[in-house]
Amino acid sequence: MASVSFVPRSRTNSQGKAVVLVRITHNYDRKFLSLDLRVDPDYWSKKRQRVTSSHVAHTKINSRLAEIEKQVQEVVSRLEASPSSLTAGWLKDEIVKEIKGEGSEGPEGFIDFAERKLKVYKRQGQTGTHKAYTSNIRKFRDFLREELGKTNIPFHRITPALIQDFRAYCYEVKKNKTNTVGKALGVLRTFVRKAMKEGHLDQEYPFRHITVDSEEVEKEKLTPREMEKIEALDLDPDSLTAEVRRWFLFAYYAGGMRFSDVATLKPEHIRSDEAGQKRVYYRMEKTEGLVGVPIIPEAQEILDYYDQTFDPWVFPILKDVDEGAADLVEQKEAKNALANKYLSKYILPKTEIDKHVSFHLSRNAAAWRLYRSIGDLYKVMKILGHSSVTQTEKYLKGFEDDSLDDDFKSAFGQNSAPASR
């Protein structure tokens, strides 16, 4: 026998109001449905399942609860008369449809929720995160459509079994590699956590016993010596190849700027401090961290090449793109792809460096050079604008560290004192 009741959520908001829940119980299985009603728990009658007459909006709220109660009872009566085996989850789905209209997946399904959150990332200018999350939520939506015939699902359908099926879909249908599958599962996990934080999932955390796939990948690195080889190339200064090299080297000598930050660097970002030191100041697009580093001679030489600014930019990367253009992000991505192409196809082969290079490696190379010179991870973290030392350590991973070679040789050298026994 199914039972349905109204209860206020135990957690309240900053105004002391709690969401009213429909509590659905059947065969010891319990589900909850959030309503678009908030009440002050101090004025809730547990016996009557209504707010008391002392509540400021008691007439409106109780009238709405009476209307919902009638709809709920009709659903319960219909399903209990059905020959199919009734479950609390099925009952919840049908109640949602009754309250919100036939065919609705509920007040907000999981995909609706994810897409609403994606809009927030876009509105806040977090373009990289928005792009990465959007592609993986799209993959999950494709899985729902192709494997389950759905375009959306209620929150309670996000179960360990569904997640495992999604993992299999990524491997078997999409033919994704391990880390690509891991990224998809990681993004899904992120949105599940967000949903749980907002009270949309009342079941056990579905990722509790699921490991996100990953495998170690050795990424290419450019050493300071290899960067010197790139700089020493004899290129036609008016060629696009030389232009890309200038962008790449400026990013390196400015402390590891990202491509998007080089592309949108403005004249006002370059100015002298109180001591007269010329510096480049900018707010990182990806992390929103504020960075200000001295302009060293190598970086200044690149700036001196341009006898004009490309309003409103310093470099001609986006010279035909207005700052407020709707396609600014797409234009930056296209130019980044172009820079990566020229680095790998037309610049690196001339140096005989057998590596696949992207623009971002200038940032890794700068990180390594800074660390070898400074020897302080925290200081390097601050220069790079990282939020944690762990992030900086990832940038340095893979470089050959010979800083202890002399100590090692000394310990095993002919003149070293024997170790005490």
Protein backbone atom coordinates (compact mmCIF):
# COMPACT_ATOMS: atom_id res chain seq x y z
CA MET A 1 0.00 0.00 0.00
CA ALA A 2 1.45 3.34 -1.07
CA SER A 3 1.35 6.34 1.24
CA VAL A 4 1.91 9.98 0.36
CA SER A 5 2.36 12.91 2.74
CA PHE A 6 3.65 16.47 2.85
CA VAL A 7 6.70 17.43 4.94
CA PRO A 8 8.94 20.49 5.04
CA ARG A 9 12.61 19.84 4.24
CA SER A 10 14.78 19.90 7.37
CA ARG A 11 17.19 22.33 5.75
CA THR A 12 16.13 25.99 5.49
CA ASN A 13 17.40 28.90 3.40
CA SER A 14 18.84 32.19 4.65
CA GLN A 15 15.29 33.48 5.27
CA GLY A 16 14.44 30.48 7.43
CA LYS A 17 12.11 28.98 4.80
CA ALA A 18 12.02 25.29 3.87
CA VAL A 19 10.87 23.62 0.66
CA VAL A 20 7.75 21.50 1.01
CA LEU A 21 8.30 17.90 -0.09
CA VAL A 22 5.91 15.19 -1.20
CA ARG A 23 7.06 12.06 0.66
CA ILE A 24 6.17 8.90 -1.28
CA THR A 25 6.51 5.51 0.44
CA HIS A 26 5.85 2.06 -0.99
CA ASN A 27 7.20 -1.32 0.16
CA TYR A 28 9.74 0.39 2.45
CA ASP A 29 11.11 2.40 -0.49
CA ARG A 30 10.87 6.16 -0.04
CA LYS A 31 11.07 8.95 -2.62
CA PHE A 32 10.75 12.71 -2.28
CA LEU A 33 9.44 15.31 -4.68
CA SER A 34 10.23 19.00 -4.19
CA LEU A 35 7.33 21.41 -4.66
CA ASP A 36 7.52 25.07 -5.63
CA LEU A 37 6.40 26.02 -2.13
CA ARG A 38 8.47 27.32 0.79
CA VAL A 39 7.19 27.56 4.35
CA ASP A 40 8.42 28.59 7.77
CA PRO A 41 8.76 25.23 9.64
CA ASP A 42 7.75 26.90 12.92
CA TYR A 43 4.24 27.29 11.47
CA TRP A 44 3.91 23.76 10.10
CA SER A 45 1.31 21.37 11.49
CA LYS A 46 2.67 17.83 11.24
CA LYS A 47 -0.73 16.34 11.97
CA ARG A 48 -2.66 18.37 9.40
CA GLN A 49 0.24 18.56 6.91
CA ARG A 50 -0.56 22.22 6.38
CA VAL A 51 0.70 25.55 7.66
CA THR A 52 -1.11 27.05 10.61
CA SER A 53 -3.32 30.10 10.35
CA SER A 54 -0.51 32.13 11.91
CA HIS A 55 1.58 31.72 8.76
CA VAL A 56 1.55 34.90 6.70
CA ALA A 57 0.53 33.10 3.48
CA HIS A 58 -1.47 30.24 4.96
CA THR A 59 -4.52 30.61 2.70
CA LYS A 60 -2.55 30.51 -0.54
CA ILE A 61 -0.21 27.71 0.58
CA ASN A 62 -2.89 25.45 2.04
CA SER A 63 -5.09 25.92 -1.01
CA ARG A 64 -2.22 24.83 -3.25
CA LEU A 65 -1.46 21.83 -1.01
CA ALA A 66 -5.10 20.74 -1.12
CA GLU A 67 -5.04 20.92 -4.92
CA ILE A 68 -1.84 18.86 -5.11
CA GLU A 69 -3.16 16.34 -2.57
CA LYS A 70 -6.21 15.69 -4.75
CA GLN A 71 -3.99 15.15 -7.82
CA VAL A 72 -1.70 12.83 -5.87
CA GLN A 73 -4.54 10.68 -4.55
CA GLU A 74 -5.91 10.28 -8.07
CA VAL A 75 -2.52 9.02 -9.25
CA VAL A 76 -2.17 6.60 -6.34
CA SER A 77 -5.66 5.16 -6.92
CA ARG A 78 -5.00 4.72 -10.65
CA LEU A 79 -1.63 3.01 -10.23
CA GLU A 80 -2.72 0.74 -7.38
CA ALA A 81 -5.47 -0.55 -9.68
CA SER A 82 -2.93 -1.24 -12.42
CA PRO A 83 -1.84 -4.85 -13.02
CA SER A 84 1.78 -3.71 -13.24
CA SER A 85 4.04 -3.92 -10.20
CA LEU A 86 4.02 -0.54 -8.48
CA THR A 87 7.25 1.09 -7.30
CA ALA A 88 7.90 4.29 -5.38
CA GLY A 89 9.97 5.61 -8.32
CA TRP A 90 7.18 4.98 -10.82
CA LEU A 91 4.70 6.58 -8.47
CA LYS A 92 6.90 9.66 -8.16
CA ASP A 93 7.23 9.95 -11.97
CA GLU A 94 3.46 9.78 -12.42
CA ILE A 95 2.80 12.31 -9.67
CA VAL A 96 5.24 14.70 -11.31
CA LYS A 97 3.45 14.30 -14.65
CA GLU A 98 0.09 14.91 -13.00
CA ILE A 99 1.23 18.06 -11.22
CA LYS A 100 3.19 19.53 -14.11
CA GLY A 101 1.22 18.21 -17.05
CA GLU A 102 1.20 14.99 -19.08
CA GLY A 103 4.50 14.25 -20.80
CA SER A 104 6.55 16.39 -18.48
CA GLU A 105 9.66 14.86 -16.92
CA GLY A 106 9.07 16.95 -13.82
CA PRO A 107 9.76 20.38 -12.44
CA GLU A 108 13.27 19.97 -13.78
CA GLY A 109 14.92 16.84 -15.13
CA PHE A 110 18.63 16.12 -14.84
CA ILE A 111 19.45 17.36 -18.36
CA ASP A 112 17.40 20.53 -17.79
CA PHE A 113 19.34 21.09 -14.57
CA ALA A 114 22.72 20.53 -16.28
CA GLU A 115 21.89 22.89 -19.14
CA ARG A 116 20.79 25.57 -16.68
CA LYS A 117 24.14 25.27 -14.90
CA LEU A 118 26.00 25.41 -18.22
CA LYS A 119 24.38 28.76 -18.97
CA VAL A 120 25.82 30.08 -15.71
CA TYR A 121 29.35 29.11 -16.76
CA LYS A 122 28.85 30.85 -20.09
CA ARG A 123 27.38 33.96 -18.49
CA GLN A 124 30.35 34.16 -16.10
CA GLY A 125 32.80 34.03 -19.01
CA GLN A 126 34.22 30.60 -18.11
CA THR A 127 34.41 29.63 -21.76
CA GLY A 128 36.87 26.74 -21.39
CA THR A 129 34.87 25.08 -18.63
CA HIS A 130 31.60 25.75 -20.48
CA LYS A 131 32.92 24.15 -23.66
CA ALA A 132 34.34 21.06 -21.92
CA TYR A 133 31.25 20.50 -19.79
CA THR A 134 28.85 21.10 -22.67
CA SER A 135 30.47 18.46 -24.90
CA ASN A 136 30.30 15.83 -22.16
CA ILE A 137 26.73 16.62 -21.11
CA ARG A 138 25.84 16.38 -24.82
CA LYS A 139 27.44 12.93 -24.86
CA PHE A 140 25.34 11.86 -21.88
CA ARG A 141 22.22 13.20 -23.60
CA ASP A 142 23.14 11.21 -26.74
CA PHE A 143 23.45 8.12 -24.56
CA LEU A 144 19.98 8.67 -23.10
CA ARG A 145 18.45 9.16 -26.54
CA GLU A 146 20.23 6.30 -28.32
CA GLU A 147 20.18 3.71 -25.53
CA LEU A 148 17.02 4.59 -23.57
CA GLY A 149 14.96 6.55 -26.07
CA LYS A 150 14.79 9.57 -23.75
CA THR A 151 15.93 13.18 -23.97
CA ASN A 152 15.76 13.76 -20.23
CA ILE A 153 15.41 11.73 -17.04
CA PRO A 154 14.26 12.40 -13.46
CA PHE A 155 17.04 12.84 -10.92
CA HIS A 156 16.34 9.56 -9.15
CA ARG A 157 17.16 7.66 -12.36
CA ILE A 158 20.84 8.59 -11.99
CA THR A 159 21.86 5.27 -10.47
CA PRO A 160 25.15 3.30 -10.37
CA ALA A 161 23.73 0.94 -12.99
CA LEU A 162 22.94 3.85 -15.35
CA ILE A 163 26.43 5.29 -14.86
CA GLN A 164 28.01 1.93 -15.67
CA ASP A 165 25.87 1.72 -18.82
CA PHE A 166 27.04 5.21 -19.80
CA ARG A 167 30.67 4.14 -19.30
CA ALA A 168 30.12 1.13 -21.57
CA TYR A 169 28.46 3.38 -24.17
CA CYS A 170 31.52 5.68 -24.20
CA TYR A 171 33.87 2.75 -24.80
CA GLU A 172 31.78 0.57 -27.10
CA VAL A 173 29.70 3.06 -29.10
CA LYS A 174 31.79 6.24 -29.02
CA LYS A 175 35.10 4.28 -29.09
CA ASN A 176 36.55 6.71 -26.55
CA LYS A 177 39.95 6.26 -24.95
CA THR A 178 40.33 5.79 -21.20
CA ASN A 179 40.96 9.42 -20.25
CA THR A 180 38.17 10.64 -22.55
CA VAL A 181 35.77 8.30 -20.76
CA GLY A 182 37.16 9.54 -17.46
CA LYS A 183 36.44 13.14 -18.41
CA ALA A 184 32.84 12.28 -19.35
CA LEU A 185 32.28 10.47 -16.05
CA GLY A 186 33.99 13.27 -14.14
CA VAL A 187 31.71 15.90 -15.65
CA LEU A 188 28.64 13.75 -14.94
CA ARG A 189 29.85 13.35 -11.35
CA THR A 190 30.27 17.12 -11.03
CA PHE A 191 26.67 17.78 -12.03
CA VAL A 192 25.37 14.95 -9.83
CA ARG A 193 27.13 16.58 -6.87
CA LYS A 194 25.62 19.94 -7.77
CA ALA A 195 22.17 18.35 -7.96
CA MET A 196 22.64 16.66 -4.58
CA LYS A 197 23.79 19.94 -3.03
CA GLU A 198 20.57 21.58 -4.18
CA GLY A 199 18.47 18.73 -2.82
CA HIS A 200 17.37 17.16 -6.12
CA LEU A 201 18.71 13.67 -5.33
CA ASP A 202 17.45 11.94 -2.22
CA GLN A 203 19.03 8.53 -2.91
CA GLU A 204 22.52 7.33 -1.97
CA TYR A 205 25.35 9.10 -3.79
CA PRO A 206 25.46 7.10 -7.07
CA PHE A 207 29.22 7.54 -7.59
CA ARG A 208 30.07 6.19 -4.15
CA HIS A 209 31.50 2.91 -5.47
CA ILE A 210 32.41 4.05 -8.99
CA THR A 211 35.98 4.87 -9.96
CA VAL A 212 36.44 7.46 -12.69
CA ASP A 213 38.66 5.98 -15.42
CA SER A 214 42.13 7.42 -15.92
CA GLU A 215 45.57 6.44 -17.11
CA GLU A 216 48.93 8.17 -16.95
CA VAL A 217 49.78 10.06 -20.13
CA GLU A 218 53.24 11.42 -20.79
CA LYS A 219 52.74 14.90 -22.21
CA GLU A 220 55.25 16.64 -24.43
CA LYS A 221 57.48 19.28 -22.82
CA LEU A 222 59.78 21.94 -24.21
CA THR A 223 63.00 22.60 -22.33
CA PRO A 224 64.62 26.05 -22.10
CA ARG A 225 67.26 24.87 -24.59
CA GLU A 226 64.55 23.85 -27.07
CA MET A 227 62.88 27.22 -26.62
CA GLU A 228 66.22 28.82 -27.50
CA LYS A 229 66.32 26.76 -30.71
CA ILE A 230 62.88 28.06 -31.65
CA GLU A 231 63.97 31.62 -31.00
CA ALA A 232 67.18 31.18 -33.03
CA LEU A 233 65.35 30.10 -36.22
CA ASP A 234 65.96 32.33 -39.22
CA LEU A 235 62.46 33.19 -40.43
CA ASP A 236 61.06 35.84 -42.73
CA PRO A 237 59.87 38.43 -40.17
CA ASP A 238 56.83 39.28 -42.30
CA SER A 239 55.66 35.67 -42.59
CA LEU A 240 52.81 34.17 -40.60
CA THR A 241 55.27 31.58 -39.29
CA ALA A 242 57.36 34.34 -37.69
CA GLU A 243 54.19 36.00 -36.42
CA VAL A 244 53.12 32.83 -34.62
CA ARG A 245 56.61 32.47 -33.18
CA ARG A 246 56.40 36.02 -31.75
CA TRP A 247 53.12 35.21 -30.03
CA PHE A 248 54.56 31.97 -28.68
CA LEU A 249 57.78 33.51 -27.39
CA PHE A 250 56.01 36.50 -25.86
CA ALA A 251 53.78 34.09 -23.90
CA TYR A 252 56.93 32.32 -22.70
CA TYR A 253 58.85 35.47 -21.71
CA ALA A 254 55.78 36.98 -20.04
CA GLY A 255 55.73 34.15 -17.52
CA GLY A 256 53.64 31.60 -19.39
CA MET A 257 50.59 33.45 -20.69
CA ARG A 258 47.77 31.41 -22.16
CA PHE A 259 46.93 31.97 -25.82
CA SER A 260 43.57 33.60 -25.00
CA ASP A 261 45.33 36.12 -22.74
CA VAL A 262 47.94 36.96 -25.40
CA ALA A 263 45.19 37.36 -28.01
CA THR A 264 43.20 39.79 -25.85
CA LEU A 265 46.14 41.72 -24.40
CA LYS A 266 45.44 45.47 -24.57
CA PRO A 267 47.81 48.47 -24.52
CA GLU A 268 46.50 49.49 -21.09
CA HIS A 269 47.69 46.13 -19.74
CA ILE A 270 51.27 47.28 -20.31
CA ARG A 271 52.37 50.05 -17.98
CA SER A 272 55.09 51.10 -15.54
CA ASP A 273 54.82 50.61 -11.79
CA GLU A 274 55.77 53.17 -9.14
CA ALA A 275 59.43 52.19 -9.38
CA GLY A 276 59.42 52.75 -13.15
CA GLN A 277 59.53 49.03 -14.00
CA LYS A 278 57.51 48.29 -17.12
CA ARG A 279 55.13 45.42 -16.46
CA VAL A 280 52.33 43.48 -18.10
CA TYR A 281 49.15 43.30 -16.02
CA TYR A 282 46.20 41.14 -17.01
CA ARG A 283 43.39 39.08 -15.54
CA MET A 284 43.59 35.46 -16.63
CA GLU A 285 40.55 34.42 -18.64
CA LYS A 286 40.53 30.86 -17.31
CA THR A 287 41.08 31.41 -13.59
CA GLU A 288 40.21 35.11 -13.17
CA GLY A 289 43.53 35.46 -11.30
CA LEU A 290 45.29 38.83 -11.58
CA VAL A 291 48.86 38.57 -12.88
CA GLY A 292 51.54 41.24 -13.14
CA VAL A 293 55.10 40.42 -14.24
CA PRO A 294 58.07 42.57 -15.34
CA ILE A 295 58.61 42.91 -19.06
CA ILE A 296 62.09 41.51 -19.68
CA PRO A 297 64.18 42.59 -22.74
CA GLU A 298 63.21 39.53 -24.79
CA ALA A 299 59.50 40.32 -24.34
CA GLN A 300 60.07 44.03 -25.00
CA GLU A 301 61.88 43.23 -28.26
CA ILE A 302 58.77 41.43 -29.46
CA LEU A 303 56.54 44.34 -28.47
CA ASP A 304 58.87 46.77 -30.26
CA TYR A 305 58.30 44.90 -33.53
CA TYR A 306 54.79 46.36 -33.72
CA ASP A 307 54.74 50.07 -34.52
CA GLN A 308 50.99 50.21 -33.99
CA THR A 309 48.31 48.63 -31.87
CA PHE A 310 45.48 46.68 -33.41
CA ASP A 311 42.59 48.44 -31.71
CA PRO A 312 41.85 47.36 -29.06
CA TRP A 313 44.54 44.66 -29.04
CA VAL A 314 48.34 44.68 -28.76
CA PHE A 315 48.86 41.79 -31.19
CA PRO A 316 47.19 41.37 -34.60
CA ILE A 317 45.71 38.00 -33.61
CA LEU A 318 42.17 39.42 -33.47
CA LYS A 319 42.79 42.55 -35.52
CA ASP A 320 39.50 42.26 -37.41
CA VAL A 321 37.42 41.23 -34.39
CA ASP A 322 35.67 43.79 -32.20
CA GLU A 323 35.95 43.40 -28.43
CA GLY A 324 32.21 42.98 -28.09
CA ALA A 325 31.79 40.61 -31.04
CA ALA A 326 29.39 37.73 -30.46
CA ASP A 327 31.86 35.30 -32.00
CA LEU A 328 34.91 36.49 -30.05
CA VAL A 329 35.35 33.13 -28.31
CA GLU A 330 35.06 31.21 -31.57
CA GLN A 331 37.57 33.54 -33.23
CA LYS A 332 40.08 33.00 -30.42
CA GLU A 333 39.67 29.24 -30.68
CA ALA A 334 40.21 29.36 -34.46
CA LYS A 335 43.38 31.45 -34.08
CA ASN A 336 44.63 29.13 -31.34
CA ALA A 337 44.17 26.17 -33.68
CA LEU A 338 46.02 28.09 -36.40
CA ALA A 339 48.92 28.82 -34.02
CA ASN A 340 49.11 25.16 -33.01
CA LYS A 341 49.20 24.13 -36.65
CA TYR A 342 52.07 26.48 -37.49
CA LEU A 343 54.04 25.46 -34.41
CA SER A 344 53.80 21.75 -35.21
CA LYS A 345 54.07 21.87 -39.03
CA TYR A 346 56.26 24.85 -39.84
CA ILE A 347 58.30 25.80 -36.77
CA LEU A 348 59.25 22.66 -34.84
CA PRO A 349 60.39 20.70 -37.93
CA LYS A 350 62.96 23.44 -38.65
CA THR A 351 64.51 22.89 -35.21
CA GLU A 352 64.67 19.08 -35.57
CA ILE A 353 62.75 18.82 -32.30
CA ASP A 354 60.68 15.67 -32.72
CA LYS A 355 57.68 16.60 -30.59
CA HIS A 356 54.03 17.47 -31.07
CA VAL A 357 53.73 21.04 -29.83
CA SER A 358 50.78 23.22 -28.91
CA PHE A 359 50.79 26.85 -27.83
CA HIS A 360 50.16 25.85 -24.20
CA LEU A 361 53.62 24.30 -23.96
CA SER A 362 55.09 27.81 -23.74
CA ARG A 363 53.37 28.00 -20.35
CA ASN A 364 54.83 24.67 -19.20
CA ALA A 365 58.27 25.71 -20.41
CA ALA A 366 58.02 29.00 -18.53
CA ALA A 367 56.95 27.15 -15.39
CA TRP A 368 59.98 24.86 -15.57
CA ARG A 369 62.41 27.71 -16.21
CA LEU A 370 60.96 29.68 -13.29
CA TYR A 371 61.15 26.70 -10.97
CA ARG A 372 64.75 25.85 -11.89
CA SER A 373 65.73 29.46 -11.28
CA ILE A 374 63.64 30.22 -8.17
CA GLY A 375 63.36 26.78 -6.60
CA ASP A 376 60.18 27.75 -4.76
CA LEU A 377 56.94 26.08 -5.89
CA TYR A 378 54.76 28.60 -4.07
CA LYS A 379 56.38 31.58 -5.84
CA VAL A 380 56.07 29.86 -9.21
CA MET A 381 52.41 29.15 -8.43
CA LYS A 382 51.81 32.84 -7.76
CA ILE A 383 53.53 33.92 -11.01
CA LEU A 384 51.51 31.44 -13.07
CA GLY A 385 48.26 32.44 -11.35
CA HIS A 386 47.52 28.89 -10.21
CA SER A 387 45.09 28.26 -7.36
CA SER A 388 47.19 25.50 -5.78
CA VAL A 389 50.73 24.13 -5.65
CA THR A 390 49.35 20.78 -6.87
CA GLN A 391 48.36 22.43 -10.15
CA THR A 392 51.88 23.85 -10.54
CA GLU A 393 53.42 20.44 -9.82
CA LYS A 394 51.41 18.98 -12.70
CA TYR A 395 52.95 21.58 -15.03
CA LEU A 396 56.44 20.55 -13.94
CA LYS A 397 55.86 16.82 -14.17
CA GLY A 398 57.80 15.16 -16.97
CA PHE A 399 60.80 17.50 -17.07
CA GLU A 400 64.17 15.87 -16.40
CA ASP A 401 65.38 17.21 -13.07
CA ASP A 402 69.19 17.14 -12.87
CA SER A 403 69.38 19.59 -9.96
CA LEU A 404 70.60 16.84 -7.62
CA ASP A 405 73.15 15.32 -10.00
CA ASP A 406 76.15 17.01 -8.38
CA ASP A 407 75.07 15.82 -4.94
CA PHE A 408 74.61 12.29 -6.27
CA LYS A 409 78.01 12.26 -7.96
CA SER A 410 79.61 13.68 -4.84
CA ALA A 411 78.09 10.92 -2.71
CA PHE A 412 79.53 8.20 -4.97
CA GLY A 413 82.67 10.03 -6.09
CA GLN A 414 86.23 8.98 -5.33
CA ASN A 415 86.75 11.81 -2.86
CA SER A 416 83.53 11.29 -0.94
CA ALA A 417 83.79 10.16 2.65
CA PRO A 418 82.51 6.62 3.31
CA ALA A 419 79.13 6.38 4.96
CA SER A 420 79.21 5.61 8.69
CA ARG A 421 78.21 2.12 9.69
